[in-house]
Amino acid sequence: QVHLVESGGGLVQPGGSTQLSCAASGITFGRNVMSWYRQAPGKERDLVAAISSTGGIANYADSVKGRFTISRDNAKNTVNLQMNSLKPEDTAVYYCKVRLASDGMNYWGKGTLVTVSS
């Protein structure tokens, strides 16, 4: 049974930083690409960043390039999202996602809210 649990987030001031973490269970973590998505109120869920199974390749949405960094620890089955220079438009619920290599199915965490406001 696949289980993804996000943590971190909360209220952050503009220009500030925070880190999100996602703990995965029920999967062979080191064999799967992990991703972070976000959904702002009234908007669609969009890809923020993705990282390859070994961590050697990372991709980012243009809106977060140079500010966010995705990383993973395959020994701890966790994927992190370091978020710097936060802007009010970064306010959203952030979701961890895995698309399993074994069955092609997408699995999502329940999300964690990040609010960027003074």
C-alpha atoms as a PDB file:
ATOM      1  CA  GLN A   1       0.000   0.000   0.000  1.00  0.00           C
ATOM      2  CA  VAL A   2       1.538   3.256  -1.172  1.00  0.00           C
ATOM      3  CA  HIS A   3       1.637   6.000   1.416  1.00  0.00           C
ATOM      4  CA  LEU A   4       3.014   9.529   0.946  1.00  0.00           C
ATOM      5  CA  VAL A   5       3.011  11.985   3.831  1.00  0.00           C
ATOM      6  CA  GLU A   6       4.026  15.605   3.391  1.00  0.00           C
ATOM      7  CA  SER A   7       5.281  17.805   6.209  1.00  0.00           C
ATOM      8  CA  GLY A   8       6.542  21.346   6.581  1.00  0.00           C
ATOM      9  CA  GLY A   9       4.969  24.465   5.182  1.00  0.00           C
ATOM     10  CA  GLY A  10       2.824  26.883   7.107  1.00  0.00           C
ATOM     11  CA  LEU A  11       2.951  30.656   7.092  1.00  0.00           C
ATOM     12  CA  VAL A  12       6.084  32.245   5.630  1.00  0.00           C
ATOM     13  CA  GLN A  13       6.894  35.897   5.008  1.00  0.00           C
ATOM     14  CA  PRO A  14       7.685  37.084   1.484  1.00  0.00           C
ATOM     15  CA  GLY A  15      11.365  36.573   0.805  1.00  0.00           C
ATOM     16  CA  GLY A  16      11.549  33.847   3.397  1.00  0.00           C
ATOM     17  CA  SER A  17      12.369  30.161   3.158  1.00  0.00           C
ATOM     18  CA  THR A  18      10.890  26.861   4.180  1.00  0.00           C
ATOM     19  CA  GLN A  19      11.416  23.201   3.460  1.00  0.00           C
ATOM     20  CA  LEU A  20       8.849  20.564   2.661  1.00  0.00           C
ATOM     21  CA  SER A  21       9.429  16.870   3.170  1.00  0.00           C
ATOM     22  CA  CYS A  22       7.620  13.817   1.863  1.00  0.00           C
ATOM     23  CA  ALA A  23       8.012  10.434   3.495  1.00  0.00           C
ATOM     24  CA  ALA A  24       7.163   7.461   1.308  1.00  0.00           C
ATOM     25  CA  SER A  25       6.274   3.904   2.260  1.00  0.00           C
ATOM     26  CA  GLY A  26       4.951   0.884   0.442  1.00  0.00           C
ATOM     27  CA  ILE A  27       7.173   1.417  -2.593  1.00  0.00           C
ATOM     28  CA  THR A  28      10.695   0.639  -3.712  1.00  0.00           C
ATOM     29  CA  PHE A  29      11.575   4.259  -3.308  1.00  0.00           C
ATOM     30  CA  GLY A  30      14.917   4.293  -5.106  1.00  0.00           C
ATOM     31  CA  ARG A  31      13.371   3.035  -8.342  1.00  0.00           C
ATOM     32  CA  ASN A  32      10.870   5.824  -8.838  1.00  0.00           C
ATOM     33  CA  VAL A  33      10.786   9.410  -9.990  1.00  0.00           C
ATOM     34  CA  MET A  34       9.383  11.678  -7.288  1.00  0.00           C
ATOM     35  CA  SER A  35       7.624  14.970  -7.899  1.00  0.00           C
ATOM     36  CA  TRP A  36       6.205  17.969  -6.124  1.00  0.00           C
ATOM     37  CA  TYR A  37       3.069  19.655  -7.425  1.00  0.00           C
ATOM     38  CA  ARG A  38       1.109  22.607  -6.129  1.00  0.00           C
ATOM     39  CA  GLN A  39      -2.418  23.867  -6.407  1.00  0.00           C
ATOM     40  CA  ALA A  40      -3.358  27.444  -5.676  1.00  0.00           C
ATOM     41  CA  PRO A  41      -6.956  28.380  -4.852  1.00  0.00           C
ATOM     42  CA  GLY A  42      -9.092  28.281  -7.981  1.00  0.00           C
ATOM     43  CA  LYS A  43      -6.271  26.974 -10.138  1.00  0.00           C
ATOM     44  CA  GLU A  44      -5.165  23.648 -11.543  1.00  0.00           C
ATOM     45  CA  ARG A  45      -2.562  21.447  -9.940  1.00  0.00           C
ATOM     46  CA  ASP A  46       0.803  22.132 -11.581  1.00  0.00           C
ATOM     47  CA  LEU A  47       4.180  20.463 -11.530  1.00  0.00           C
ATOM     48  CA  VAL A  48       6.749  22.293  -9.423  1.00  0.00           C
ATOM     49  CA  ALA A  49       9.757  19.975  -9.534  1.00  0.00           C
ATOM     50  CA  ALA A  50      10.698  16.390 -10.249  1.00  0.00           C
ATOM     51  CA  ILE A  51      13.755  14.319  -9.446  1.00  0.00           C
ATOM     52  CA  SER A  52      15.048  11.133 -11.030  1.00  0.00           C
ATOM     53  CA  SER A  53      15.262   7.873  -9.122  1.00  0.00           C
ATOM     54  CA  THR A  54      18.958   8.335  -8.343  1.00  0.00           C
ATOM     55  CA  GLY A  55      18.680  12.064  -7.725  1.00  0.00           C
ATOM     56  CA  GLY A  56      21.002  12.880 -10.590  1.00  0.00           C
ATOM     57  CA  ILE A  57      18.462  14.779 -12.657  1.00  0.00           C
ATOM     58  CA  ALA A  58      16.028  17.435 -11.463  1.00  0.00           C
ATOM     59  CA  ASN A  59      13.555  19.505 -13.418  1.00  0.00           C
ATOM     60  CA  TYR A  60      11.739  22.642 -12.344  1.00  0.00           C
ATOM     61  CA  ALA A  61       8.844  24.796 -13.420  1.00  0.00           C
ATOM     62  CA  ASP A  62      10.084  28.084 -14.849  1.00  0.00           C
ATOM     63  CA  SER A  63       8.350  29.973 -12.069  1.00  0.00           C
ATOM     64  CA  VAL A  64      10.521  28.369  -9.364  1.00  0.00           C
ATOM     65  CA  LYS A  65      13.862  27.904 -11.116  1.00  0.00           C
ATOM     66  CA  GLY A  66      16.702  29.336  -9.084  1.00  0.00           C
ATOM     67  CA  ARG A  67      14.547  29.549  -5.947  1.00  0.00           C
ATOM     68  CA  PHE A  68      13.464  25.965  -5.215  1.00  0.00           C
ATOM     69  CA  THR A  69      15.609  22.865  -4.909  1.00  0.00           C
ATOM     70  CA  ILE A  70      14.330  19.294  -4.921  1.00  0.00           C
ATOM     71  CA  SER A  71      16.406  16.558  -3.327  1.00  0.00           C
ATOM     72  CA  ARG A  72      15.950  12.998  -2.139  1.00  0.00           C
ATOM     73  CA  ASP A  73      17.412  10.584   0.368  1.00  0.00           C
ATOM     74  CA  ASN A  74      16.911   7.051  -0.882  1.00  0.00           C
ATOM     75  CA  ALA A  75      18.160   5.608   2.404  1.00  0.00           C
ATOM     76  CA  LYS A  76      15.386   7.405   4.294  1.00  0.00           C
ATOM     77  CA  ASN A  77      12.684   7.194   1.588  1.00  0.00           C
ATOM     78  CA  THR A  78      12.210  10.938   1.626  1.00  0.00           C
ATOM     79  CA  VAL A  79      12.048  13.699  -0.943  1.00  0.00           C
ATOM     80  CA  ASN A  80      12.451  17.330   0.035  1.00  0.00           C
ATOM     81  CA  LEU A  81      11.659  20.682  -1.488  1.00  0.00           C
ATOM     82  CA  GLN A  82      13.740  23.622  -0.289  1.00  0.00           C
ATOM     83  CA  MET A  83      11.893  26.821  -1.070  1.00  0.00           C
ATOM     84  CA  ASN A  84      13.760  30.137  -0.959  1.00  0.00           C
ATOM     85  CA  SER A  85      12.897  33.723  -1.883  1.00  0.00           C
ATOM     86  CA  LEU A  86       9.230  32.905  -1.481  1.00  0.00           C
ATOM     87  CA  LYS A  87       6.610  35.090  -3.135  1.00  0.00           C
ATOM     88  CA  PRO A  88       2.908  35.496  -2.380  1.00  0.00           C
ATOM     89  CA  GLU A  89       2.174  33.711  -5.652  1.00  0.00           C
ATOM     90  CA  ASP A  90       3.865  30.601  -4.228  1.00  0.00           C
ATOM     91  CA  THR A  91       0.923  30.245  -1.860  1.00  0.00           C
ATOM     92  CA  ALA A  92      -0.643  26.855  -2.540  1.00  0.00           C
ATOM     93  CA  VAL A  93      -1.204  23.362  -1.271  1.00  0.00           C
ATOM     94  CA  TYR A  94       1.902  21.367  -2.129  1.00  0.00           C
ATOM     95  CA  TYR A  95       1.577  17.685  -3.004  1.00  0.00           C
ATOM     96  CA  CYS A  96       4.084  14.888  -3.240  1.00  0.00           C
ATOM     97  CA  LYS A  97       3.556  12.461  -6.095  1.00  0.00           C
ATOM     98  CA  VAL A  98       5.029   9.221  -7.323  1.00  0.00           C
ATOM     99  CA  ARG A  99       4.278   7.517 -10.607  1.00  0.00           C
ATOM    100  CA  LEU A 100       5.207   3.928  -9.952  1.00  0.00           C
ATOM    101  CA  ALA A 101       7.511   2.381 -12.495  1.00  0.00           C
ATOM    102  CA  SER A 102       5.936  -0.998 -11.713  1.00  0.00           C
ATOM    103  CA  ASP A 103       2.347  -0.199 -12.695  1.00  0.00           C
ATOM    104  CA  GLY A 104       2.329   3.314 -14.148  1.00  0.00           C
ATOM    105  CA  MET A 105      -0.149   4.516 -11.515  1.00  0.00           C
ATOM    106  CA  ASN A 106       0.079   7.918  -9.867  1.00  0.00           C
ATOM    107  CA  TYR A 107      -0.077   8.147  -6.088  1.00  0.00           C
ATOM    108  CA  TRP A 108      -0.491  11.386  -4.180  1.00  0.00           C
ATOM    109  CA  GLY A 109      -0.023  12.612  -0.660  1.00  0.00           C
ATOM    110  CA  LYS A 110      -2.737  14.633   1.047  1.00  0.00           C
ATOM    111  CA  GLY A 111      -0.808  17.868   0.638  1.00  0.00           C
ATOM    112  CA  THR A 112       0.561  20.574   2.889  1.00  0.00           C
ATOM    113  CA  LEU A 113      -0.395  24.243   2.775  1.00  0.00           C
ATOM    114  CA  VAL A 114       2.213  26.934   2.249  1.00  0.00           C
ATOM    115  CA  THR A 115       1.023  30.495   2.726  1.00  0.00           C
ATOM    116  CA  VAL A 116       3.351  33.335   1.798  1.00  0.00           C
ATOM    117  CA  SER A 117       2.109  36.523   3.384  1.00  0.00           C
ATOM    118  CA  SER A 118       3.248  39.373   5.586  1.00  0.00           C
END
